[in-house]
Amino acid sequence: MANDLKLYFRGFEVALNKSNIDDSIRYLKDIRRELNDNLDYLQAKQEASEVQDVLKRILKESLGDYKKRIRRIEKELKRH
């Protein structure tokens, strides 16, 4: 991603220095497309990561509850 953006930006600079408006616009569109594609990808990864974090927390809490129940049952069984 970063390399593509650097290339597009460098092409944009060269096109501007040569007053080549058509190429300047093309490079800007390439930069915008690359940013949008990568932003969508990174946002999807972020959302998946947040969901995973919530699921992990829920699992840890559930496991803690089950462990407490098991200990309580074991104590009751030892009494009988």
PDB file of N, CA and C in Angstrom:
ATOM      1  N   MET A   1       0.817  -1.179   0.000  1.00  0.00           N
ATOM      2  CA  MET A   1       0.000   0.000   0.000  1.00  0.00           C
ATOM      3  C   MET A   1       0.871   1.256   0.000  1.00  0.00           C
ATOM      4  N   ALA A   2       1.793   1.352   0.946  1.00  0.00           N
ATOM      5  CA  ALA A   2       2.612   2.557   1.063  1.00  0.00           C
ATOM      6  C   ALA A   2       3.453   2.774  -0.193  1.00  0.00           C
ATOM      7  N   ASN A   3       3.983   1.689  -0.740  1.00  0.00           N
ATOM      8  CA  ASN A   3       4.807   1.825  -1.945  1.00  0.00           C
ATOM      9  C   ASN A   3       3.989   2.336  -3.121  1.00  0.00           C
ATOM     10  N   ASP A   4       2.774   1.806  -3.281  1.00  0.00           N
ATOM     11  CA  ASP A   4       1.906   2.265  -4.368  1.00  0.00           C
ATOM     12  C   ASP A   4       1.585   3.749  -4.211  1.00  0.00           C
ATOM     13  N   LEU A   5       1.274   4.146  -2.976  1.00  0.00           N
ATOM     14  CA  LEU A   5       0.951   5.550  -2.738  1.00  0.00           C
ATOM     15  C   LEU A   5       2.148   6.448  -3.043  1.00  0.00           C
ATOM     16  N   LYS A   6       3.336   6.000  -2.660  1.00  0.00           N
ATOM     17  CA  LYS A   6       4.547   6.785  -2.942  1.00  0.00           C
ATOM     18  C   LYS A   6       4.747   6.939  -4.450  1.00  0.00           C
ATOM     19  N   LEU A   7       4.532   5.838  -5.185  1.00  0.00           N
ATOM     20  CA  LEU A   7       4.690   5.897  -6.643  1.00  0.00           C
ATOM     21  C   LEU A   7       3.671   6.834  -7.274  1.00  0.00           C
ATOM     22  N   TYR A   8       2.415   6.709  -6.843  1.00  0.00           N
ATOM     23  CA  TYR A   8       1.370   7.576  -7.393  1.00  0.00           C
ATOM     24  C   TYR A   8       1.659   9.039  -7.070  1.00  0.00           C
ATOM     25  N   PHE A   9       2.095   9.292  -5.829  1.00  0.00           N
ATOM     26  CA  PHE A   9       2.374  10.666  -5.434  1.00  0.00           C
ATOM     27  C   PHE A   9       3.556  11.224  -6.226  1.00  0.00           C
ATOM     28  N   ARG A  10       4.573  10.405  -6.403  1.00  0.00           N
ATOM     29  CA  ARG A  10       5.733  10.848  -7.193  1.00  0.00           C
ATOM     30  C   ARG A  10       5.312  11.131  -8.644  1.00  0.00           C
ATOM     31  N   GLY A  11       4.485  10.273  -9.211  1.00  0.00           N
ATOM     32  CA  GLY A  11       3.972  10.511 -10.558  1.00  0.00           C
ATOM     33  C   GLY A  11       3.167  11.791 -10.626  1.00  0.00           C
ATOM     34  N   PHE A  12       2.388  12.039  -9.576  1.00  0.00           N
ATOM     35  CA  PHE A  12       1.600  13.264  -9.490  1.00  0.00           C
ATOM     36  C   PHE A  12       2.517  14.492  -9.479  1.00  0.00           C
ATOM     37  N   GLU A  13       3.576  14.436  -8.669  1.00  0.00           N
ATOM     38  CA  GLU A  13       4.525  15.547  -8.608  1.00  0.00           C
ATOM     39  C   GLU A  13       5.179  15.812  -9.966  1.00  0.00           C
ATOM     40  N   VAL A  14       5.617  14.744 -10.630  1.00  0.00           N
ATOM     41  CA  VAL A  14       6.263  14.884 -11.934  1.00  0.00           C
ATOM     42  C   VAL A  14       5.285  15.480 -12.944  1.00  0.00           C
ATOM     43  N   ALA A  15       4.060  14.976 -12.930  1.00  0.00           N
ATOM     44  CA  ALA A  15       3.052  15.488 -13.862  1.00  0.00           C
ATOM     45  C   ALA A  15       2.776  16.968 -13.608  1.00  0.00           C
ATOM     46  N   LEU A  16       2.711  17.355 -12.334  1.00  0.00           N
ATOM     47  CA  LEU A  16       2.483  18.776 -12.023  1.00  0.00           C
ATOM     48  C   LEU A  16       3.645  19.637 -12.502  1.00  0.00           C
ATOM     49  N   ASN A  17       4.867  19.152 -12.258  1.00  0.00           N
ATOM     50  CA  ASN A  17       6.051  19.916 -12.688  1.00  0.00           C
ATOM     51  C   ASN A  17       6.085  20.097 -14.207  1.00  0.00           C
ATOM     52  N   LYS A  18       5.527  19.134 -14.921  1.00  0.00           N
ATOM     53  CA  LYS A  18       5.490  19.215 -16.386  1.00  0.00           C
ATOM     54  C   LYS A  18       4.201  19.871 -16.882  1.00  0.00           C
ATOM     55  N   SER A  19       3.386  20.332 -15.932  1.00  0.00           N
ATOM     56  CA  SER A  19       2.087  20.955 -16.252  1.00  0.00           C
ATOM     57  C   SER A  19       1.190  20.028 -17.059  1.00  0.00           C
ATOM     58  N   ASN A  20       1.273  18.747 -16.750  1.00  0.00           N
ATOM     59  CA  ASN A  20       0.449  17.749 -17.435  1.00  0.00           C
ATOM     60  C   ASN A  20      -0.787  17.485 -16.574  1.00  0.00           C
ATOM     61  N   ILE A  21      -1.841  18.211 -16.864  1.00  0.00           N
ATOM     62  CA  ILE A  21      -3.064  18.166 -16.055  1.00  0.00           C
ATOM     63  C   ILE A  21      -3.729  16.792 -16.126  1.00  0.00           C
ATOM     64  N   ASP A  22      -3.774  16.199 -17.304  1.00  0.00           N
ATOM     65  CA  ASP A  22      -4.434  14.897 -17.454  1.00  0.00           C
ATOM     66  C   ASP A  22      -3.766  13.837 -16.580  1.00  0.00           C
ATOM     67  N   ASP A  23      -2.436  13.772 -16.620  1.00  0.00           N
ATOM     68  CA  ASP A  23      -1.727  12.799 -15.785  1.00  0.00           C
ATOM     69  C   ASP A  23      -1.862  13.131 -14.307  1.00  0.00           C
ATOM     70  N   SER A  24      -1.857  14.421 -13.967  1.00  0.00           N
ATOM     71  CA  SER A  24      -2.034  14.831 -12.568  1.00  0.00           C
ATOM     72  C   SER A  24      -3.363  14.320 -12.028  1.00  0.00           C
ATOM     73  N   ILE A  25      -4.406  14.500 -12.811  1.00  0.00           N
ATOM     74  CA  ILE A  25      -5.735  14.033 -12.409  1.00  0.00           C
ATOM     75  C   ILE A  25      -5.749  12.514 -12.286  1.00  0.00           C
ATOM     76  N   ARG A  26      -5.123  11.835 -13.245  1.00  0.00           N
ATOM     77  CA  ARG A  26      -5.090  10.364 -13.204  1.00  0.00           C
ATOM     78  C   ARG A  26      -4.384   9.874 -11.938  1.00  0.00           C
ATOM     79  N   TYR A  27      -3.253  10.497 -11.607  1.00  0.00           N
ATOM     80  CA  TYR A  27      -2.524  10.086 -10.405  1.00  0.00           C
ATOM     81  C   TYR A  27      -3.332  10.382  -9.136  1.00  0.00           C
ATOM     82  N   LEU A  28      -4.005  11.511  -9.094  1.00  0.00           N
ATOM     83  CA  LEU A  28      -4.848  11.820  -7.933  1.00  0.00           C
ATOM     84  C   LEU A  28      -5.970  10.793  -7.784  1.00  0.00           C
ATOM     85  N   LYS A  29      -6.554  10.401  -8.907  1.00  0.00           N
ATOM     86  CA  LYS A  29      -7.613   9.381  -8.857  1.00  0.00           C
ATOM     87  C   LYS A  29      -7.047   8.044  -8.384  1.00  0.00           C
ATOM     88  N   ASP A  30      -5.836   7.714  -8.830  1.00  0.00           N
ATOM     89  CA  ASP A  30      -5.188   6.472  -8.371  1.00  0.00           C
ATOM     90  C   ASP A  30      -4.935   6.517  -6.865  1.00  0.00           C
ATOM     91  N   ILE A  31      -4.475   7.675  -6.388  1.00  0.00           N
ATOM     92  CA  ILE A  31      -4.228   7.834  -4.948  1.00  0.00           C
ATOM     93  C   ILE A  31      -5.529   7.674  -4.177  1.00  0.00           C
ATOM     94  N   ARG A  32      -6.587   8.327  -4.643  1.00  0.00           N
ATOM     95  CA  ARG A  32      -7.887   8.235  -3.968  1.00  0.00           C
ATOM     96  C   ARG A  32      -8.399   6.793  -3.953  1.00  0.00           C
ATOM     97  N   ARG A  33      -8.287   6.094  -5.107  1.00  0.00           N
ATOM     98  CA  ARG A  33      -8.742   4.709  -5.182  1.00  0.00           C
ATOM     99  C   ARG A  33      -7.955   3.817  -4.209  1.00  0.00           C
ATOM    100  N   GLU A  34      -6.644   4.000  -4.185  1.00  0.00           N
ATOM    101  CA  GLU A  34      -5.792   3.203  -3.295  1.00  0.00           C
ATOM    102  C   GLU A  34      -6.146   3.457  -1.827  1.00  0.00           C
ATOM    103  N   LEU A  35      -6.346   4.715  -1.476  1.00  0.00           N
ATOM    104  CA  LEU A  35      -6.717   5.051  -0.098  1.00  0.00           C
ATOM    105  C   LEU A  35      -8.078   4.455   0.269  1.00  0.00           C
ATOM    106  N   ASN A  36      -9.049   4.580  -0.615  1.00  0.00           N
ATOM    107  CA  ASN A  36     -10.382   4.033  -0.336  1.00  0.00           C
ATOM    108  C   ASN A  36     -10.348   2.514  -0.186  1.00  0.00           C
ATOM    109  N   ASP A  37      -9.626   1.844  -1.082  1.00  0.00           N
ATOM    110  CA  ASP A  37      -9.532   0.380  -1.005  1.00  0.00           C
ATOM    111  C   ASP A  37      -8.908  -0.056   0.314  1.00  0.00           C
ATOM    112  N   ASN A  38      -7.831   0.595   0.675  1.00  0.00           N
ATOM    113  CA  ASN A  38      -7.127   0.207   1.891  1.00  0.00           C
ATOM    114  C   ASN A  38      -7.886   0.615   3.144  1.00  0.00           C
ATOM    115  N   LEU A  39      -8.588   1.724   3.086  1.00  0.00           N
ATOM    116  CA  LEU A  39      -9.403   2.144   4.215  1.00  0.00           C
ATOM    117  C   LEU A  39     -10.517   1.129   4.466  1.00  0.00           C
ATOM    118  N   ASP A  40     -11.179   0.680   3.411  1.00  0.00           N
ATOM    119  CA  ASP A  40     -12.228  -0.336   3.552  1.00  0.00           C
ATOM    120  C   ASP A  40     -11.663  -1.611   4.168  1.00  0.00           C
ATOM    121  N   TYR A  41     -10.509  -2.027   3.671  1.00  0.00           N
ATOM    122  CA  TYR A  41      -9.864  -3.250   4.175  1.00  0.00           C
ATOM    123  C   TYR A  41      -9.500  -3.111   5.655  1.00  0.00           C
ATOM    124  N   LEU A  42      -8.893  -1.984   6.014  1.00  0.00           N
ATOM    125  CA  LEU A  42      -8.469  -1.784   7.398  1.00  0.00           C
ATOM    126  C   LEU A  42      -9.658  -1.633   8.343  1.00  0.00           C
ATOM    127  N   GLN A  43     -10.721  -0.982   7.879  1.00  0.00           N
ATOM    128  CA  GLN A  43     -11.910  -0.849   8.720  1.00  0.00           C
ATOM    129  C   GLN A  43     -12.559  -2.203   8.976  1.00  0.00           C
ATOM    130  N   ALA A  44     -12.579  -3.051   7.965  1.00  0.00           N
ATOM    131  CA  ALA A  44     -13.133  -4.398   8.142  1.00  0.00           C
ATOM    132  C   ALA A  44     -12.301  -5.182   9.150  1.00  0.00           C
ATOM    133  N   LYS A  45     -10.984  -5.053   9.056  1.00  0.00           N
ATOM    134  CA  LYS A  45     -10.113  -5.736  10.016  1.00  0.00           C
ATOM    135  C   LYS A  45     -10.316  -5.198  11.425  1.00  0.00           C
ATOM    136  N   GLN A  46     -10.494  -3.894  11.554  1.00  0.00           N
ATOM    137  CA  GLN A  46     -10.708  -3.281  12.858  1.00  0.00           C
ATOM    138  C   GLN A  46     -12.014  -3.780  13.472  1.00  0.00           C
ATOM    139  N   GLU A  47     -13.065  -3.814  12.670  1.00  0.00           N
ATOM    140  CA  GLU A  47     -14.361  -4.287  13.167  1.00  0.00           C
ATOM    141  C   GLU A  47     -14.270  -5.744  13.601  1.00  0.00           C
ATOM    142  N   ALA A  48     -13.593  -6.561  12.808  1.00  0.00           N
ATOM    143  CA  ALA A  48     -13.425  -7.975  13.153  1.00  0.00           C
ATOM    144  C   ALA A  48     -12.637  -8.103  14.446  1.00  0.00           C
ATOM    145  N   SER A  49     -11.637  -7.274  14.612  1.00  0.00           N
ATOM    146  CA  SER A  49     -10.820  -7.307  15.824  1.00  0.00           C
ATOM    147  C   SER A  49     -11.652  -6.921  17.050  1.00  0.00           C
ATOM    148  N   GLU A  50     -12.495  -5.904  16.900  1.00  0.00           N
ATOM    149  CA  GLU A  50     -13.348  -5.477  18.005  1.00  0.00           C
ATOM    150  C   GLU A  50     -14.332  -6.572  18.378  1.00  0.00           C
ATOM    151  N   VAL A  51     -14.897  -7.236  17.387  1.00  0.00           N
ATOM    152  CA  VAL A  51     -15.828  -8.338  17.643  1.00  0.00           C
ATOM    153  C   VAL A  51     -15.096  -9.462  18.367  1.00  0.00           C
ATOM    154  N   GLN A  52     -13.889  -9.764  17.917  1.00  0.00           N
ATOM    155  CA  GLN A  52     -13.105 -10.819  18.561  1.00  0.00           C
ATOM    156  C   GLN A  52     -12.833 -10.474  20.018  1.00  0.00           C
ATOM    157  N   ASP A  53     -12.488  -9.220  20.286  1.00  0.00           N
ATOM    158  CA  ASP A  53     -12.217  -8.801  21.656  1.00  0.00           C
ATOM    159  C   ASP A  53     -13.449  -8.977  22.539  1.00  0.00           C
ATOM    160  N   VAL A  54     -14.606  -8.607  22.021  1.00  0.00           N
ATOM    161  CA  VAL A  54     -15.848  -8.752  22.789  1.00  0.00           C
ATOM    162  C   VAL A  54     -16.133 -10.234  23.040  1.00  0.00           C
ATOM    163  N   LEU A  55     -15.955 -11.064  22.019  1.00  0.00           N
ATOM    164  CA  LEU A  55     -16.203 -12.501  22.182  1.00  0.00           C
ATOM    165  C   LEU A  55     -15.244 -13.113  23.192  1.00  0.00           C
ATOM    166  N   LYS A  56     -13.983 -12.718  23.162  1.00  0.00           N
ATOM    167  CA  LYS A  56     -13.004 -13.221  24.133  1.00  0.00           C
ATOM    168  C   LYS A  56     -13.408 -12.845  25.555  1.00  0.00           C
ATOM    169  N   ARG A  57     -13.838 -11.591  25.729  1.00  0.00           N
ATOM    170  CA  ARG A  57     -14.252 -11.140  27.049  1.00  0.00           C
ATOM    171  C   ARG A  57     -15.455 -11.935  27.541  1.00  0.00           C
ATOM    172  N   ILE A  58     -16.427 -12.162  26.660  1.00  0.00           N
ATOM    173  CA  ILE A  58     -17.615 -12.928  27.025  1.00  0.00           C
ATOM    174  C   ILE A  58     -17.228 -14.357  27.400  1.00  0.00           C
ATOM    175  N   LEU A  59     -16.335 -14.961  26.621  1.00  0.00           N
ATOM    176  CA  LEU A  59     -15.889 -16.323  26.914  1.00  0.00           C
ATOM    177  C   LEU A  59     -15.176 -16.401  28.252  1.00  0.00           C
ATOM    178  N   LYS A  60     -14.312 -15.430  28.534  1.00  0.00           N
ATOM    179  CA  LYS A  60     -13.596 -15.421  29.813  1.00  0.00           C
ATOM    180  C   LYS A  60     -14.570 -15.307  30.974  1.00  0.00           C
ATOM    181  N   GLU A  61     -15.551 -14.417  30.826  1.00  0.00           N
ATOM    182  CA  GLU A  61     -16.547 -14.257  31.886  1.00  0.00           C
ATOM    183  C   GLU A  61     -17.355 -15.538  32.072  1.00  0.00           C
ATOM    184  N   SER A  62     -17.730 -16.145  30.956  1.00  0.00           N
ATOM    185  CA  SER A  62     -18.505 -17.386  31.030  1.00  0.00           C
ATOM    186  C   SER A  62     -17.699 -18.499  31.677  1.00  0.00           C
ATOM    187  N   LEU A  63     -16.441 -18.608  31.292  1.00  0.00           N
ATOM    188  CA  LEU A  63     -15.586 -19.632  31.891  1.00  0.00           C
ATOM    189  C   LEU A  63     -15.436 -19.408  33.389  1.00  0.00           C
ATOM    190  N   GLY A  64     -15.294 -18.155  33.785  1.00  0.00           N
ATOM    191  CA  GLY A  64     -15.194 -17.840  35.205  1.00  0.00           C
ATOM    192  C   GLY A  64     -16.447 -18.264  35.949  1.00  0.00           C
ATOM    193  N   ASP A  65     -17.608 -17.997  35.369  1.00  0.00           N
ATOM    194  CA  ASP A  65     -18.878 -18.392  35.984  1.00  0.00           C
ATOM    195  C   ASP A  65     -18.986 -19.913  36.098  1.00  0.00           C
ATOM    196  N   TYR A  66     -18.601 -20.622  35.036  1.00  0.00           N
ATOM    197  CA  TYR A  66     -18.668 -22.083  35.059  1.00  0.00           C
ATOM    198  C   TYR A  66     -17.708 -22.662  36.095  1.00  0.00           C
ATOM    199  N   LYS A  67     -16.537 -22.080  36.222  1.00  0.00           N
ATOM    200  CA  LYS A  67     -15.576 -22.560  37.219  1.00  0.00           C
ATOM    201  C   LYS A  67     -16.131 -22.384  38.632  1.00  0.00           C
ATOM    202  N   LYS A  68     -16.780 -21.246  38.876  1.00  0.00           N
ATOM    203  CA  LYS A  68     -17.397 -21.015  40.185  1.00  0.00           C
ATOM    204  C   LYS A  68     -18.485 -22.052  40.464  1.00  0.00           C
ATOM    205  N   ARG A  69     -19.293 -22.331  39.458  1.00  0.00           N
ATOM    206  CA  ARG A  69     -20.360 -23.321  39.626  1.00  0.00           C
ATOM    207  C   ARG A  69     -19.786 -24.704  39.906  1.00  0.00           C
ATOM    208  N   ILE A  70     -18.749 -25.054  39.174  1.00  0.00           N
ATOM    209  CA  ILE A  70     -18.123 -26.372  39.358  1.00  0.00           C
ATOM    210  C   ILE A  70     -17.557 -26.486  40.762  1.00  0.00           C
ATOM    211  N   ARG A  71     -16.881 -25.443  41.241  1.00  0.00           N
ATOM    212  CA  ARG A  71     -16.335 -25.467  42.610  1.00  0.00           C
ATOM    213  C   ARG A  71     -17.456 -25.632  43.641  1.00  0.00           C
ATOM    214  N   ARG A  72     -18.559 -24.926  43.414  1.00  0.00           N
ATOM    215  CA  ARG A  72     -19.690 -25.013  44.332  1.00  0.00           C
ATOM    216  C   ARG A  72     -20.259 -26.438  44.343  1.00  0.00           C
ATOM    217  N   ILE A  73     -20.386 -27.030  43.162  1.00  0.00           N
ATOM    218  CA  ILE A  73     -20.911 -28.390  43.061  1.00  0.00           C
ATOM    219  C   ILE A  73     -19.944 -29.384  43.713  1.00  0.00           C
ATOM    220  N   GLU A  74     -18.646 -29.196  43.484  1.00  0.00           N
ATOM    221  CA  GLU A  74     -17.655 -30.089  44.097  1.00  0.00           C
ATOM    222  C   GLU A  74     -17.722 -30.012  45.620  1.00  0.00           C
ATOM    223  N   LYS A  75     -17.889 -28.821  46.172  1.00  0.00           N
ATOM    224  CA  LYS A  75     -18.013 -28.674  47.621  1.00  0.00           C
ATOM    225  C   LYS A  75     -19.249 -29.398  48.144  1.00  0.00           C
ATOM    226  N   GLU A  76     -20.346 -29.256  47.421  1.00  0.00           N
ATOM    227  CA  GLU A  76     -21.568 -29.936  47.835  1.00  0.00           C
ATOM    228  C   GLU A  76     -21.405 -31.440  47.777  1.00  0.00           C
ATOM    229  N   LEU A  77     -20.743 -31.936  46.750  1.00  0.00           N
ATOM    230  CA  LEU A  77     -20.520 -33.380  46.617  1.00  0.00           C
ATOM    231  C   LEU A  77     -19.634 -33.906  47.737  1.00  0.00           C
ATOM    232  N   LYS A  78     -18.651 -33.138  48.151  1.00  0.00           N
ATOM    233  CA  LYS A  78     -17.758 -33.560  49.225  1.00  0.00           C
ATOM    234  C   LYS A  78     -18.509 -33.646  50.550  1.00  0.00           C
ATOM    235  N   ARG A  79     -19.512 -32.801  50.733  1.00  0.00           N
ATOM    236  CA  ARG A  79     -20.301 -32.828  51.960  1.00  0.00           C
ATOM    237  C   ARG A  79     -21.139 -34.087  52.053  1.00  0.00           C
ATOM    238  N   HIS A  80     -21.570 -34.594  50.920  1.00  0.00           N
ATOM    239  CA  HIS A  80     -22.472 -35.751  50.928  1.00  0.00           C
ATOM    240  C   HIS A  80     -21.673 -36.990  50.867  1.00  0.00           C
TER     241      HIS A  80
END
